[in-house]
PDB file of N, CA and C in Angstrom:
ATOM      1  N   MET A   1      -8.516  10.151 -18.640  1.00  0.00           N
ATOM      2  CA  MET A   1      -8.873   9.497 -17.403  1.00  0.00           C
ATOM      3  C   MET A   1      -7.919   9.963 -16.304  1.00  0.00           C
ATOM      4  N   ALA A   2      -8.467  10.381 -15.175  1.00  0.00           N
ATOM      5  CA  ALA A   2      -7.658  10.861 -14.062  1.00  0.00           C
ATOM      6  C   ALA A   2      -7.007   9.695 -13.332  1.00  0.00           C
ATOM      7  N   GLU A   3      -5.779   9.940 -12.898  1.00  0.00           N
ATOM      8  CA  GLU A   3      -5.087   8.909 -12.123  1.00  0.00           C
ATOM      9  C   GLU A   3      -5.621   8.908 -10.702  1.00  0.00           C
ATOM     10  N   THR A   4      -5.733   7.730 -10.127  1.00  0.00           N
ATOM     11  CA  THR A   4      -6.114   7.633  -8.724  1.00  0.00           C
ATOM     12  C   THR A   4      -4.908   7.167  -7.934  1.00  0.00           C
ATOM     13  N   GLY A   5      -4.895   7.520  -6.661  1.00  0.00           N
ATOM     14  CA  GLY A   5      -3.802   7.116  -5.799  1.00  0.00           C
ATOM     15  C   GLY A   5      -4.021   5.716  -5.260  1.00  0.00           C
ATOM     16  N   PRO A   6      -3.193   5.326  -4.309  1.00  0.00           N
ATOM     17  CA  PRO A   6      -3.342   3.999  -3.711  1.00  0.00           C
ATOM     18  C   PRO A   6      -4.690   3.867  -2.999  1.00  0.00           C
ATOM     19  N   THR A   7      -5.191   2.655  -2.953  1.00  0.00           N
ATOM     20  CA  THR A   7      -6.489   2.411  -2.321  1.00  0.00           C
ATOM     21  C   THR A   7      -6.384   1.326  -1.255  1.00  0.00           C
ATOM     22  N   ILE A   8      -7.414   1.275  -0.410  1.00  0.00           N
ATOM     23  CA  ILE A   8      -7.590   0.197   0.558  1.00  0.00           C
ATOM     24  C   ILE A   8      -8.962  -0.410   0.307  1.00  0.00           C
ATOM     25  N   THR A   9      -9.177  -1.586   0.837  1.00  0.00           N
ATOM     26  CA  THR A   9     -10.496  -2.200   0.775  1.00  0.00           C
ATOM     27  C   THR A   9     -11.238  -1.835   2.047  1.00  0.00           C
ATOM     28  N   ALA A  10     -12.358  -1.131   1.897  1.00  0.00           N
ATOM     29  CA  ALA A  10     -13.195  -0.761   3.036  1.00  0.00           C
ATOM     30  C   ALA A  10     -14.211  -1.872   3.266  1.00  0.00           C
ATOM     31  N   MET A  11     -14.173  -2.471   4.452  1.00  0.00           N
ATOM     32  CA  MET A  11     -15.107  -3.538   4.815  1.00  0.00           C
ATOM     33  C   MET A  11     -16.215  -2.920   5.659  1.00  0.00           C
ATOM     34  N   LEU A  12     -17.446  -2.960   5.153  1.00  0.00           N
ATOM     35  CA  LEU A  12     -18.584  -2.338   5.826  1.00  0.00           C
ATOM     36  C   LEU A  12     -19.186  -3.349   6.796  1.00  0.00           C
ATOM     37  N   GLU A  13     -19.070  -3.069   8.103  1.00  0.00           N
ATOM     38  CA  GLU A  13     -19.396  -4.051   9.135  1.00  0.00           C
ATOM     39  C   GLU A  13     -20.857  -4.105   9.542  1.00  0.00           C
ATOM     40  N   ASP A  14     -21.622  -3.048   9.290  1.00  0.00           N
ATOM     41  CA  ASP A  14     -23.017  -3.037   9.727  1.00  0.00           C
ATOM     42  C   ASP A  14     -23.829  -2.112   8.830  1.00  0.00           C
ATOM     43  N   GLY A  15     -25.062  -1.831   9.220  1.00  0.00           N
ATOM     44  CA  GLY A  15     -25.911  -0.941   8.433  1.00  0.00           C
ATOM     45  C   GLY A  15     -26.447  -1.599   7.174  1.00  0.00           C
ATOM     46  N   PRO A  16     -27.023  -0.799   6.283  1.00  0.00           N
ATOM     47  CA  PRO A  16     -27.665  -1.322   5.075  1.00  0.00           C
ATOM     48  C   PRO A  16     -26.724  -2.088   4.147  1.00  0.00           C
ATOM     49  N   LEU A  17     -25.445  -1.774   4.178  1.00  0.00           N
ATOM     50  CA  LEU A  17     -24.489  -2.411   3.267  1.00  0.00           C
ATOM     51  C   LEU A  17     -23.587  -3.415   3.991  1.00  0.00           C
ATOM     52  N   LYS A  18     -24.048  -3.926   5.124  1.00  0.00           N
ATOM     53  CA  LYS A  18     -23.273  -4.875   5.934  1.00  0.00           C
ATOM     54  C   LYS A  18     -22.725  -6.007   5.067  1.00  0.00           C
ATOM     55  N   GLY A  19     -21.434  -6.274   5.237  1.00  0.00           N
ATOM     56  CA  GLY A  19     -20.785  -7.347   4.498  1.00  0.00           C
ATOM     57  C   GLY A  19     -20.205  -6.932   3.159  1.00  0.00           C
ATOM     58  N   SER A  20     -20.498  -5.709   2.723  1.00  0.00           N
ATOM     59  CA  SER A  20     -19.969  -5.227   1.439  1.00  0.00           C
ATOM     60  C   SER A  20     -18.520  -4.785   1.597  1.00  0.00           C
ATOM     61  N   ARG A  21     -17.822  -4.783   0.484  1.00  0.00           N
ATOM     62  CA  ARG A  21     -16.447  -4.280   0.422  1.00  0.00           C
ATOM     63  C   ARG A  21     -16.361  -3.333  -0.762  1.00  0.00           C
ATOM     64  N   ILE A  22     -15.745  -2.179  -0.543  1.00  0.00           N
ATOM     65  CA  ILE A  22     -15.544  -1.225  -1.626  1.00  0.00           C
ATOM     66  C   ILE A  22     -14.117  -0.700  -1.558  1.00  0.00           C
ATOM     67  N   GLU A  23     -13.626  -0.206  -2.669  1.00  0.00           N
ATOM     68  CA  GLU A  23     -12.297   0.395  -2.709  1.00  0.00           C
ATOM     69  C   GLU A  23     -12.413   1.866  -2.310  1.00  0.00           C
ATOM     70  N   ALA A  24     -11.489   2.321  -1.460  1.00  0.00           N
ATOM     71  CA  ALA A  24     -11.459   3.716  -1.026  1.00  0.00           C
ATOM     72  C   ALA A  24     -10.039   4.239  -1.188  1.00  0.00           C
ATOM     73  N   GLU A  25      -9.925   5.444  -1.702  1.00  0.00           N
ATOM     74  CA  GLU A  25      -8.613   6.041  -1.910  1.00  0.00           C
ATOM     75  C   GLU A  25      -8.004   6.454  -0.571  1.00  0.00           C
ATOM     76  N   ILE A  26      -6.725   6.172  -0.397  1.00  0.00           N
ATOM     77  CA  ILE A  26      -6.002   6.531   0.821  1.00  0.00           C
ATOM     78  C   ILE A  26      -5.824   8.046   0.861  1.00  0.00           C
ATOM     79  N   VAL A  27      -5.989   8.640   2.064  1.00  0.00           N
ATOM     80  CA  VAL A  27      -5.849  10.080   2.264  1.00  0.00           C
ATOM     81  C   VAL A  27      -4.690  10.314   3.231  1.00  0.00           C
ATOM     82  N   GLU A  28      -3.686  11.049   2.794  1.00  0.00           N
ATOM     83  CA  GLU A  28      -2.518  11.362   3.617  1.00  0.00           C
ATOM     84  C   GLU A  28      -1.909  10.109   4.244  1.00  0.00           C
ATOM     85  N   GLY A  29      -1.839   9.029   3.472  1.00  0.00           N
ATOM     86  CA  GLY A  29      -1.213   7.804   3.934  1.00  0.00           C
ATOM     87  C   GLY A  29      -2.057   6.937   4.847  1.00  0.00           C
ATOM     88  N   ARG A  30      -3.335   7.297   5.040  1.00  0.00           N
ATOM     89  CA  ARG A  30      -4.217   6.553   5.948  1.00  0.00           C
ATOM     90  C   ARG A  30      -5.551   6.281   5.272  1.00  0.00           C
ATOM     91  N   PRO A  31      -6.309   5.320   5.810  1.00  0.00           N
ATOM     92  CA  PRO A  31      -7.671   5.138   5.308  1.00  0.00           C
ATOM     93  C   PRO A  31      -8.479   6.412   5.587  1.00  0.00           C
ATOM     94  N   PRO A  32      -9.424   6.776   4.727  1.00  0.00           N
ATOM     95  CA  PRO A  32     -10.237   7.963   4.987  1.00  0.00           C
ATOM     96  C   PRO A  32     -11.077   7.788   6.253  1.00  0.00           C
ATOM     97  N   LYS A  33     -11.329   8.890   6.977  1.00  0.00           N
ATOM     98  CA  LYS A  33     -12.123   8.829   8.215  1.00  0.00           C
ATOM     99  C   LYS A  33     -13.562   8.437   7.931  1.00  0.00           C
ATOM    100  N   THR A  34     -14.120   8.962   6.841  1.00  0.00           N
ATOM    101  CA  THR A  34     -15.480   8.593   6.441  1.00  0.00           C
ATOM    102  C   THR A  34     -15.484   8.258   4.960  1.00  0.00           C
ATOM    103  N   ILE A  35     -16.434   7.415   4.573  1.00  0.00           N
ATOM    104  CA  ILE A  35     -16.639   7.116   3.159  1.00  0.00           C
ATOM    105  C   ILE A  35     -18.131   7.128   2.881  1.00  0.00           C
ATOM    106  N   ASP A  36     -18.501   7.525   1.684  1.00  0.00           N
ATOM    107  CA  ASP A  36     -19.885   7.484   1.230  1.00  0.00           C
ATOM    108  C   ASP A  36     -20.009   6.355   0.224  1.00  0.00           C
ATOM    109  N   ALA A  37     -20.956   5.452   0.481  1.00  0.00           N
ATOM    110  CA  ALA A  37     -21.130   4.274  -0.366  1.00  0.00           C
ATOM    111  C   ALA A  37     -22.538   4.267  -0.948  1.00  0.00           C
ATOM    112  N   PRO A  38     -22.669   4.045  -2.261  1.00  0.00           N
ATOM    113  CA  PRO A  38     -23.994   4.012  -2.881  1.00  0.00           C
ATOM    114  C   PRO A  38     -24.748   2.734  -2.509  1.00  0.00           C
ATOM    115  N   ASP A  39     -26.048   2.890  -2.226  1.00  0.00           N
ATOM    116  CA  ASP A  39     -26.926   1.752  -1.948  1.00  0.00           C
ATOM    117  C   ASP A  39     -27.683   1.410  -3.228  1.00  0.00           C
ATOM    118  N   ASP A  40     -28.225   0.213  -3.297  1.00  0.00           N
ATOM    119  CA  ASP A  40     -28.955  -0.231  -4.490  1.00  0.00           C
ATOM    120  C   ASP A  40     -30.184   0.621  -4.794  1.00  0.00           C
ATOM    121  N   ASP A  41     -30.757   1.277  -3.766  1.00  0.00           N
ATOM    122  CA  ASP A  41     -31.965   2.079  -3.977  1.00  0.00           C
ATOM    123  C   ASP A  41     -31.661   3.496  -4.459  1.00  0.00           C
ATOM    124  N   GLY A  42     -30.381   3.791  -4.715  1.00  0.00           N
ATOM    125  CA  GLY A  42     -30.000   5.107  -5.216  1.00  0.00           C
ATOM    126  C   GLY A  42     -29.562   6.074  -4.127  1.00  0.00           C
ATOM    127  N   SER A  43     -29.760   5.717  -2.867  1.00  0.00           N
ATOM    128  CA  SER A  43     -29.328   6.585  -1.776  1.00  0.00           C
ATOM    129  C   SER A  43     -27.844   6.351  -1.488  1.00  0.00           C
ATOM    130  N   THR A  44     -27.293   7.172  -0.618  1.00  0.00           N
ATOM    131  CA  THR A  44     -25.892   7.061  -0.238  1.00  0.00           C
ATOM    132  C   THR A  44     -25.805   6.855   1.264  1.00  0.00           C
ATOM    133  N   CYS A  45     -24.968   5.922   1.678  1.00  0.00           N
ATOM    134  CA  CYS A  45     -24.769   5.624   3.097  1.00  0.00           C
ATOM    135  C   CYS A  45     -23.381   6.095   3.514  1.00  0.00           C
ATOM    136  N   ARG A  46     -23.310   6.794   4.636  1.00  0.00           N
ATOM    137  CA  ARG A  46     -22.022   7.258   5.146  1.00  0.00           C
ATOM    138  C   ARG A  46     -21.533   6.301   6.229  1.00  0.00           C
ATOM    139  N   TYR A  47     -20.272   5.915   6.102  1.00  0.00           N
ATOM    140  CA  TYR A  47     -19.624   5.013   7.050  1.00  0.00           C
ATOM    141  C   TYR A  47     -18.397   5.701   7.640  1.00  0.00           C
ATOM    142  N   CYS A  48     -18.070   5.343   8.879  1.00  0.00           N
ATOM    143  CA  CYS A  48     -16.948   5.927   9.607  1.00  0.00           C
ATOM    144  C   CYS A  48     -15.924   4.841   9.926  1.00  0.00           C
ATOM    145  N   LEU A  49     -14.662   5.192   9.887  1.00  0.00           N
ATOM    146  CA  LEU A  49     -13.592   4.270  10.231  1.00  0.00           C
ATOM    147  C   LEU A  49     -13.853   3.699  11.625  1.00  0.00           C
ATOM    148  N   ALA A  50     -13.872   2.378  11.755  1.00  0.00           N
ATOM    149  CA  ALA A  50     -14.240   1.721  13.016  1.00  0.00           C
ATOM    150  C   ALA A  50     -13.202   1.951  14.116  1.00  0.00           C
ATOM    151  N   ASP A  51     -11.941   1.892  13.781  1.00  0.00           N
ATOM    152  CA  ASP A  51     -10.853   2.091  14.744  1.00  0.00           C
ATOM    153  C   ASP A  51      -9.808   2.990  14.110  1.00  0.00           C
ATOM    154  N   TRP A  52      -9.237   3.883  14.904  1.00  0.00           N
ATOM    155  CA  TRP A  52      -8.241   4.797  14.360  1.00  0.00           C
ATOM    156  C   TRP A  52      -6.964   4.073  13.970  1.00  0.00           C
ATOM    157  N   VAL A  53      -6.686   2.944  14.605  1.00  0.00           N
ATOM    158  CA  VAL A  53      -5.494   2.170  14.266  1.00  0.00           C
ATOM    159  C   VAL A  53      -5.911   1.020  13.360  1.00  0.00           C
ATOM    160  N   GLN A  54      -5.463   1.061  12.124  1.00  0.00           N
ATOM    161  CA  GLN A  54      -5.744   0.018  11.140  1.00  0.00           C
ATOM    162  C   GLN A  54      -4.421  -0.352  10.491  1.00  0.00           C
ATOM    163  N   SER A  55      -4.310  -1.572  10.030  1.00  0.00           N
ATOM    164  CA  SER A  55      -3.086  -1.972   9.335  1.00  0.00           C
ATOM    165  C   SER A  55      -3.448  -2.878   8.168  1.00  0.00           C
ATOM    166  N   GLY A  56      -2.523  -2.981   7.242  1.00  0.00           N
ATOM    167  CA  GLY A  56      -2.759  -3.834   6.088  1.00  0.00           C
ATOM    168  C   GLY A  56      -3.478  -3.107   4.971  1.00  0.00           C
ATOM    169  N   ARG A  57      -4.024  -3.875   4.038  1.00  0.00           N
ATOM    170  CA  ARG A  57      -4.648  -3.322   2.832  1.00  0.00           C
ATOM    171  C   ARG A  57      -6.154  -3.151   2.968  1.00  0.00           C
ATOM    172  N   SER A  58      -6.699  -3.336   4.176  1.00  0.00           N
ATOM    173  CA  SER A  58      -8.137  -3.163   4.371  1.00  0.00           C
ATOM    174  C   SER A  58      -8.388  -2.421   5.679  1.00  0.00           C
ATOM    175  N   ALA A  59      -9.598  -1.873   5.803  1.00  0.00           N
ATOM    176  CA  ALA A  59      -9.989  -1.157   7.015  1.00  0.00           C
ATOM    177  C   ALA A  59     -11.474  -1.399   7.265  1.00  0.00           C
ATOM    178  N   ALA A  60     -11.840  -1.511   8.536  1.00  0.00           N
ATOM    179  CA  ALA A  60     -13.233  -1.740   8.919  1.00  0.00           C
ATOM    180  C   ALA A  60     -13.945  -0.405   9.113  1.00  0.00           C
ATOM    181  N   TYR A  61     -15.197  -0.349   8.650  1.00  0.00           N
ATOM    182  CA  TYR A  61     -16.022   0.853   8.765  1.00  0.00           C
ATOM    183  C   TYR A  61     -17.372   0.495   9.364  1.00  0.00           C
ATOM    184  N   THR A  62     -17.918   1.414  10.189  1.00  0.00           N
ATOM    185  CA  THR A  62     -19.246   1.220  10.769  1.00  0.00           C
ATOM    186  C   THR A  62     -20.202   2.271  10.211  1.00  0.00           C
ATOM    187  N   TYR A  63     -21.472   1.918  10.179  1.00  0.00           N
ATOM    188  CA  TYR A  63     -22.518   2.756   9.581  1.00  0.00           C
ATOM    189  C   TYR A  63     -22.808   3.978  10.444  1.00  0.00           C
ATOM    190  N   LEU A  64     -22.970   5.133   9.799  1.00  0.00           N
ATOM    191  CA  LEU A  64     -23.378   6.356  10.485  1.00  0.00           C
ATOM    192  C   LEU A  64     -24.825   6.715  10.148  1.00  0.00           C
ATOM    193  N   TYR A  65     -25.098   7.030   8.872  1.00  0.00           N
ATOM    194  CA  TYR A  65     -26.435   7.469   8.459  1.00  0.00           C
ATOM    195  C   TYR A  65     -26.510   7.562   6.941  1.00  0.00           C
ATOM    196  N   ARG A  66     -27.731   7.728   6.437  1.00  0.00           N
ATOM    197  CA  ARG A  66     -27.925   7.987   5.003  1.00  0.00           C
ATOM    198  C   ARG A  66     -27.681   9.461   4.738  1.00  0.00           C
ATOM    199  N   VAL A  67     -27.055   9.732   3.612  1.00  0.00           N
ATOM    200  CA  VAL A  67     -26.723  11.113   3.247  1.00  0.00           C
ATOM    201  C   VAL A  67     -27.809  11.656   2.343  1.00  0.00           C
TER     202      VAL A  67
END
């Protein structure tokens, strides 16, 4: 099993997965700029970091589009 690095909780603020929370691996000490989240229908939704300045163990993300 591969080791994973530190994570943050990504809070999805809008779009098809509004209100969901997922774990995302930290990239270079920051929340990732974009994350891909699986939807129940088998598709993938791409979300973007809502604000460049985030603090704490969670970060807000807004919906971009289906991948």
